[in-house]
C-alpha atoms as a PDB file:
ATOM      1  CA  MET A   1     -16.561  10.063  10.113  1.00  0.00           C
ATOM      2  CA  GLN A   2     -13.810   8.795  12.500  1.00  0.00           C
ATOM      3  CA  ALA A   3     -12.084   7.134   9.429  1.00  0.00           C
ATOM      4  CA  ARG A   4     -12.270  10.435   7.557  1.00  0.00           C
ATOM      5  CA  ALA A   5     -10.919  12.369  10.279  1.00  0.00           C
ATOM      6  CA  ILE A   6      -7.931  10.010  10.635  1.00  0.00           C
ATOM      7  CA  TYR A   7      -7.486  10.233   6.871  1.00  0.00           C
ATOM      8  CA  ASP A   8      -7.501  14.074   6.983  1.00  0.00           C
ATOM      9  CA  TYR A   9      -5.106  14.114   9.918  1.00  0.00           C
ATOM     10  CA  ILE A  10      -2.615  11.990   8.229  1.00  0.00           C
ATOM     11  CA  ILE A  11      -2.881  14.164   4.854  1.00  0.00           C
ATOM     12  CA  ASP A  12      -2.380  17.306   6.984  1.00  0.00           C
ATOM     13  CA  ASN A  13       0.413  16.108   9.216  1.00  0.00           C
ATOM     14  CA  MET A  14       2.594  13.753   7.009  1.00  0.00           C
ATOM     15  CA  LYS A  15       4.802  14.360   4.168  1.00  0.00           C
ATOM     16  CA  TYR A  16       5.582  11.872   1.422  1.00  0.00           C
ATOM     17  CA  MET A  17       9.453  11.444   1.611  1.00  0.00           C
ATOM     18  CA  LYS A  18      11.700   8.583   0.703  1.00  0.00           C
ATOM     19  CA  TYR A  19      14.517   9.008   3.026  1.00  0.00           C
ATOM     20  CA  GLY A  20      15.594   7.455   6.268  1.00  0.00           C
ATOM     21  CA  ASP A  21      14.149   4.175   7.342  1.00  0.00           C
ATOM     22  CA  TYR A  22      11.076   4.313   5.108  1.00  0.00           C
ATOM     23  CA  GLY A  23       9.330   1.501   3.288  1.00  0.00           C
ATOM     24  CA  LYS A  24       8.849  -0.879   6.048  1.00  0.00           C
ATOM     25  CA  GLY A  25       5.238   0.172   7.107  1.00  0.00           C
ATOM     26  CA  ASP A  26       6.348   1.001  10.571  1.00  0.00           C
ATOM     27  CA  SER A  27       3.472   3.104  12.140  1.00  0.00           C
ATOM     28  CA  ILE A  28       5.650   4.266  15.121  1.00  0.00           C
ATOM     29  CA  TYR A  29       8.250   5.570  12.611  1.00  0.00           C
ATOM     30  CA  ALA A  30       5.560   7.331  10.625  1.00  0.00           C
ATOM     31  CA  CYS A  31       4.135   8.799  13.803  1.00  0.00           C
ATOM     32  CA  ASP A  32       7.494   9.975  15.012  1.00  0.00           C
ATOM     33  CA  THR A  33       9.004  11.371  11.736  1.00  0.00           C
ATOM     34  CA  LYS A  34       5.745  12.276   9.921  1.00  0.00           C
ATOM     35  CA  THR A  35       7.268  11.042   6.834  1.00  0.00           C
ATOM     36  CA  GLY A  36       7.506   7.936   4.653  1.00  0.00           C
ATOM     37  CA  ASN A  37       6.213   6.333   1.443  1.00  0.00           C
ATOM     38  CA  CYS A  38       2.820   4.630   0.999  1.00  0.00           C
ATOM     39  CA  THR A  39       3.557   1.863   3.499  1.00  0.00           C
ATOM     40  CA  GLU A  40       4.116   4.353   6.299  1.00  0.00           C
ATOM     41  CA  PHE A  41       1.029   6.415   5.514  1.00  0.00           C
ATOM     42  CA  HIS A  42      -1.156   3.446   5.344  1.00  0.00           C
ATOM     43  CA  SER A  43       0.233   1.586   8.506  1.00  0.00           C
ATOM     44  CA  LEU A  44      -0.294   4.762  10.500  1.00  0.00           C
ATOM     45  CA  PHE A  45      -3.944   4.901   9.236  1.00  0.00           C
ATOM     46  CA  ILE A  46      -4.395   1.204  10.143  1.00  0.00           C
ATOM     47  CA  SER A  47      -3.004   1.719  13.686  1.00  0.00           C
ATOM     48  CA  MET A  48      -5.078   4.864  14.235  1.00  0.00           C
ATOM     49  CA  ALA A  49      -8.231   3.251  12.935  1.00  0.00           C
ATOM     50  CA  ARG A  50      -7.794   0.012  14.921  1.00  0.00           C
ATOM     51  CA  SER A  51      -7.049   2.063  18.101  1.00  0.00           C
ATOM     52  CA  VAL A  52     -10.635   3.556  17.886  1.00  0.00           C
ATOM     53  CA  GLY A  53     -12.344   0.220  16.940  1.00  0.00           C
ATOM     54  CA  ILE A  54     -12.464   0.638  13.099  1.00  0.00           C
ATOM     55  CA  PRO A  55     -11.426  -2.656  11.398  1.00  0.00           C
ATOM     56  CA  ALA A  56      -8.699  -1.808   8.916  1.00  0.00           C
ATOM     57  CA  ARG A  57      -6.350  -3.744   6.596  1.00  0.00           C
ATOM     58  CA  PHE A  58      -3.405  -3.444   4.249  1.00  0.00           C
ATOM     59  CA  SER A  59      -3.310  -3.964   0.525  1.00  0.00           C
ATOM     60  CA  ILE A  60      -0.622  -3.849  -1.987  1.00  0.00           C
ATOM     61  CA  GLY A  61      -0.439  -3.895  -5.588  1.00  0.00           C
ATOM     62  CA  ALA A  62       0.393  -1.627  -8.570  1.00  0.00           C
ATOM     63  CA  ALA A  63      -1.208   0.960 -10.925  1.00  0.00           C
ATOM     64  CA  ILE A  64      -1.400  -0.133 -14.588  1.00  0.00           C
ATOM     65  CA  PRO A  65      -0.570   3.015 -16.633  1.00  0.00           C
ATOM     66  CA  SER A  66      -3.869   4.124 -18.529  1.00  0.00           C
ATOM     67  CA  ASP A  67      -2.022   6.112 -21.134  1.00  0.00           C
ATOM     68  CA  ARG A  68      -0.452   3.086 -22.959  1.00  0.00           C
ATOM     69  CA  ASP A  69      -1.253  -0.564 -23.856  1.00  0.00           C
ATOM     70  CA  GLU A  70       2.048  -2.065 -22.685  1.00  0.00           C
ATOM     71  CA  GLY A  71       5.390  -1.557 -21.069  1.00  0.00           C
ATOM     72  CA  GLY A  72       7.046  -1.215 -17.586  1.00  0.00           C
ATOM     73  CA  ILE A  73       5.295  -0.453 -14.262  1.00  0.00           C
ATOM     74  CA  ASP A  74       7.104   1.767 -11.868  1.00  0.00           C
ATOM     75  CA  GLY A  75       6.810  -0.549  -8.868  1.00  0.00           C
ATOM     76  CA  TYR A  76       4.489  -1.338  -6.036  1.00  0.00           C
ATOM     77  CA  HIS A  77       1.966   0.872  -4.389  1.00  0.00           C
ATOM     78  CA  CYS A  78      -0.126   0.200  -1.270  1.00  0.00           C
ATOM     79  CA  TRP A  79      -3.303   1.544   0.313  1.00  0.00           C
ATOM     80  CA  ALA A  80      -5.444   0.791   3.358  1.00  0.00           C
ATOM     81  CA  GLU A  81      -9.087  -0.303   3.618  1.00  0.00           C
ATOM     82  CA  PHE A  82     -11.424   0.204   6.548  1.00  0.00           C
ATOM     83  CA  TYR A  83     -14.643  -1.630   7.333  1.00  0.00           C
ATOM     84  CA  ALA A  84     -17.949   0.506   7.675  1.00  0.00           C
ATOM     85  CA  ASP A  85     -21.563   0.215   6.565  1.00  0.00           C
ATOM     86  CA  GLY A  86     -21.173  -3.507   5.727  1.00  0.00           C
ATOM     87  CA  LYS A  87     -18.250  -3.223   3.360  1.00  0.00           C
ATOM     88  CA  TRP A  88     -14.451  -2.451   3.037  1.00  0.00           C
ATOM     89  CA  TRP A  89     -13.646   1.080   1.749  1.00  0.00           C
ATOM     90  CA  PRO A  90     -10.242   1.798   0.212  1.00  0.00           C
ATOM     91  CA  VAL A  91      -8.229   4.871   1.207  1.00  0.00           C
ATOM     92  CA  ASP A  92      -5.022   6.141  -0.577  1.00  0.00           C
ATOM     93  CA  ILE A  93      -3.646   8.682   1.837  1.00  0.00           C
ATOM     94  CA  SER A  94      -0.233   8.930   0.255  1.00  0.00           C
ATOM     95  CA  GLU A  95      -1.653   9.739  -3.204  1.00  0.00           C
ATOM     96  CA  GLY A  96      -4.152  12.164  -1.563  1.00  0.00           C
ATOM     97  CA  ASN A  97      -1.247  13.784   0.046  1.00  0.00           C
ATOM     98  CA  LYS A  98       0.863  14.094  -3.076  1.00  0.00           C
ATOM     99  CA  TYR A  99      -2.069  15.317  -5.281  1.00  0.00           C
ATOM    100  CA  THR A 100      -4.113  17.373  -2.780  1.00  0.00           C
ATOM    101  CA  ALA A 101      -6.722  18.197  -5.521  1.00  0.00           C
ATOM    102  CA  LEU A 102      -7.675  14.529  -5.512  1.00  0.00           C
ATOM    103  CA  SER A 103      -7.617  13.916  -1.742  1.00  0.00           C
ATOM    104  CA  THR A 104     -11.410  13.700  -1.567  1.00  0.00           C
ATOM    105  CA  TYR A 105     -11.490  11.148  -4.374  1.00  0.00           C
ATOM    106  CA  TYR A 106      -8.919   8.809  -2.789  1.00  0.00           C
ATOM    107  CA  PHE A 107     -11.157   8.530   0.453  1.00  0.00           C
ATOM    108  CA  GLY A 108     -13.352   5.552  -0.486  1.00  0.00           C
ATOM    109  CA  ARG A 109     -12.358   5.055  -4.207  1.00  0.00           C
ATOM    110  CA  HIS A 110      -9.575   3.449  -6.346  1.00  0.00           C
ATOM    111  CA  PRO A 111      -8.711   4.434  -9.812  1.00  0.00           C
ATOM    112  CA  ALA A 112      -9.815   1.802 -12.278  1.00  0.00           C
ATOM    113  CA  ASN A 113      -6.174   0.967 -13.231  1.00  0.00           C
ATOM    114  CA  ARG A 114      -5.352  -0.460  -9.816  1.00  0.00           C
ATOM    115  CA  ILE A 115      -4.552  -4.213  -9.344  1.00  0.00           C
ATOM    116  CA  GLU A 116      -3.866  -5.977  -5.975  1.00  0.00           C
ATOM    117  CA  PHE A 117      -1.069  -8.473  -5.346  1.00  0.00           C
ATOM    118  CA  SER A 118      -1.784  -9.316  -1.870  1.00  0.00           C
ATOM    119  CA  ARG A 119      -3.571  -8.156   1.372  1.00  0.00           C
ATOM    120  CA  GLY A 120      -2.206  -8.133   4.796  1.00  0.00           C
ATOM    121  CA  ARG A 121       1.223  -7.905   6.626  1.00  0.00           C
ATOM    122  CA  ASP A 122       3.408 -10.321   8.277  1.00  0.00           C
ATOM    123  CA  LEU A 123       2.246 -13.080   5.954  1.00  0.00           C
ATOM    124  CA  ILE A 124       2.877 -16.682   6.901  1.00  0.00           C
ATOM    125  CA  LEU A 125       3.762 -18.721   3.773  1.00  0.00           C
ATOM    126  CA  SER A 126       3.744 -22.397   3.316  1.00  0.00           C
ATOM    127  CA  PRO A 127       6.493 -23.388   2.668  1.00  0.00           C
ATOM    128  CA  GLY A 128       7.743 -20.190   4.003  1.00  0.00           C
ATOM    129  CA  PRO A 129      11.209 -18.671   4.223  1.00  0.00           C
ATOM    130  CA  GLU A 130      13.450 -19.455   7.112  1.00  0.00           C
ATOM    131  CA  ALA A 131      13.412 -15.775   8.079  1.00  0.00           C
ATOM    132  CA  GLY A 132       9.787 -16.050   9.095  1.00  0.00           C
ATOM    133  CA  PRO A 133       6.690 -14.067   8.073  1.00  0.00           C
ATOM    134  CA  VAL A 134       6.978 -11.761   4.937  1.00  0.00           C
ATOM    135  CA  ASN A 135       6.268  -8.050   5.702  1.00  0.00           C
ATOM    136  CA  PHE A 136       4.162  -7.844   2.474  1.00  0.00           C
ATOM    137  CA  MET A 137       4.117  -9.314  -0.998  1.00  0.00           C
ATOM    138  CA  ALA A 138       5.098  -7.046  -3.763  1.00  0.00           C
ATOM    139  CA  TYR A 139       8.211  -8.738  -4.951  1.00  0.00           C
ATOM    140  CA  PRO A 140       9.516 -12.369  -5.047  1.00  0.00           C
ATOM    141  CA  VAL A 141      10.597 -13.951  -1.867  1.00  0.00           C
ATOM    142  CA  LEU A 142      14.020 -15.482  -2.213  1.00  0.00           C
ATOM    143  CA  GLU A 143      16.345 -17.316  -0.059  1.00  0.00           C
ATOM    144  CA  ILE A 144      19.607 -18.941  -0.861  1.00  0.00           C
ATOM    145  CA  ASN A 145      20.928 -21.530   1.654  1.00  0.00           C
ATOM    146  CA  GLY A 146      18.438 -20.049   4.267  1.00  0.00           C
ATOM    147  CA  LYS A 147      19.593 -16.488   3.794  1.00  0.00           C
ATOM    148  CA  SER A 148      17.403 -13.793   2.269  1.00  0.00           C
ATOM    149  CA  ALA A 149      18.350 -12.670  -1.021  1.00  0.00           C
ATOM    150  CA  VAL A 150      17.133  -9.943  -3.568  1.00  0.00           C
ATOM    151  CA  ALA A 151      16.388 -10.758  -7.197  1.00  0.00           C
ATOM    152  CA  LYS A 152      16.397  -8.065  -9.860  1.00  0.00           C
ATOM    153  CA  THR A 153      12.702  -7.632 -10.523  1.00  0.00           C
ATOM    154  CA  THR A 154      10.751  -5.607 -13.144  1.00  0.00           C
ATOM    155  CA  PHE A 155       7.090  -5.479 -13.792  1.00  0.00           C
ATOM    156  CA  SER A 156       5.450  -5.076 -17.153  1.00  0.00           C
ATOM    157  CA  PHE A 157       2.070  -5.433 -18.644  1.00  0.00           C
ATOM    158  CA  THR A 158       0.274  -5.936 -22.012  1.00  0.00           C
ATOM    159  CA  ARG A 159      -3.337  -4.754 -22.239  1.00  0.00           C
ATOM    160  CA  ALA A 160      -5.474  -7.619 -23.830  1.00  0.00           C
ATOM    161  CA  LYS A 161      -7.333  -6.520 -26.970  1.00  0.00           C
ATOM    162  CA  LEU A 162     -10.934  -7.353 -26.898  1.00  0.00           C
ATOM    163  CA  SER A 163     -12.259  -9.157 -29.980  1.00  0.00           C
ATOM    164  CA  HIS A 164     -15.691  -8.422 -31.235  1.00  0.00           C
END
């Protein structure tokens, strides 16, 4: 019930907006601006859940389009999970916020087309980048001569055909 109250509070009080210093998963930024993308929504949920003793964690991945068998994927998407009744429950507050008719669905459920790249934040890799822990793994981590670099990255999929 506490996790649902936090979920509802965030849906009612935040707005999905990609401007400003969004995309870092900064729960203080999310609390102050009441805006952000999926990383801010879920970082705020995790912070609030943990503050009342609910174990919570961050996951990131992508949604595979269900209306076609191959092609590009728009980019990453993240969600949070909380622990209750002996298991981890997913919550996708940013999707519930954007598609209010589905807000009940996104509390405790994932669409079948969701894949997970990694779980957690401030990841320590071995060998790791000189810059230190990685905020989250959605894109390749690249350094050139010890300096962070960005590689042009695209994601695509091909749905395997089942043989009978």
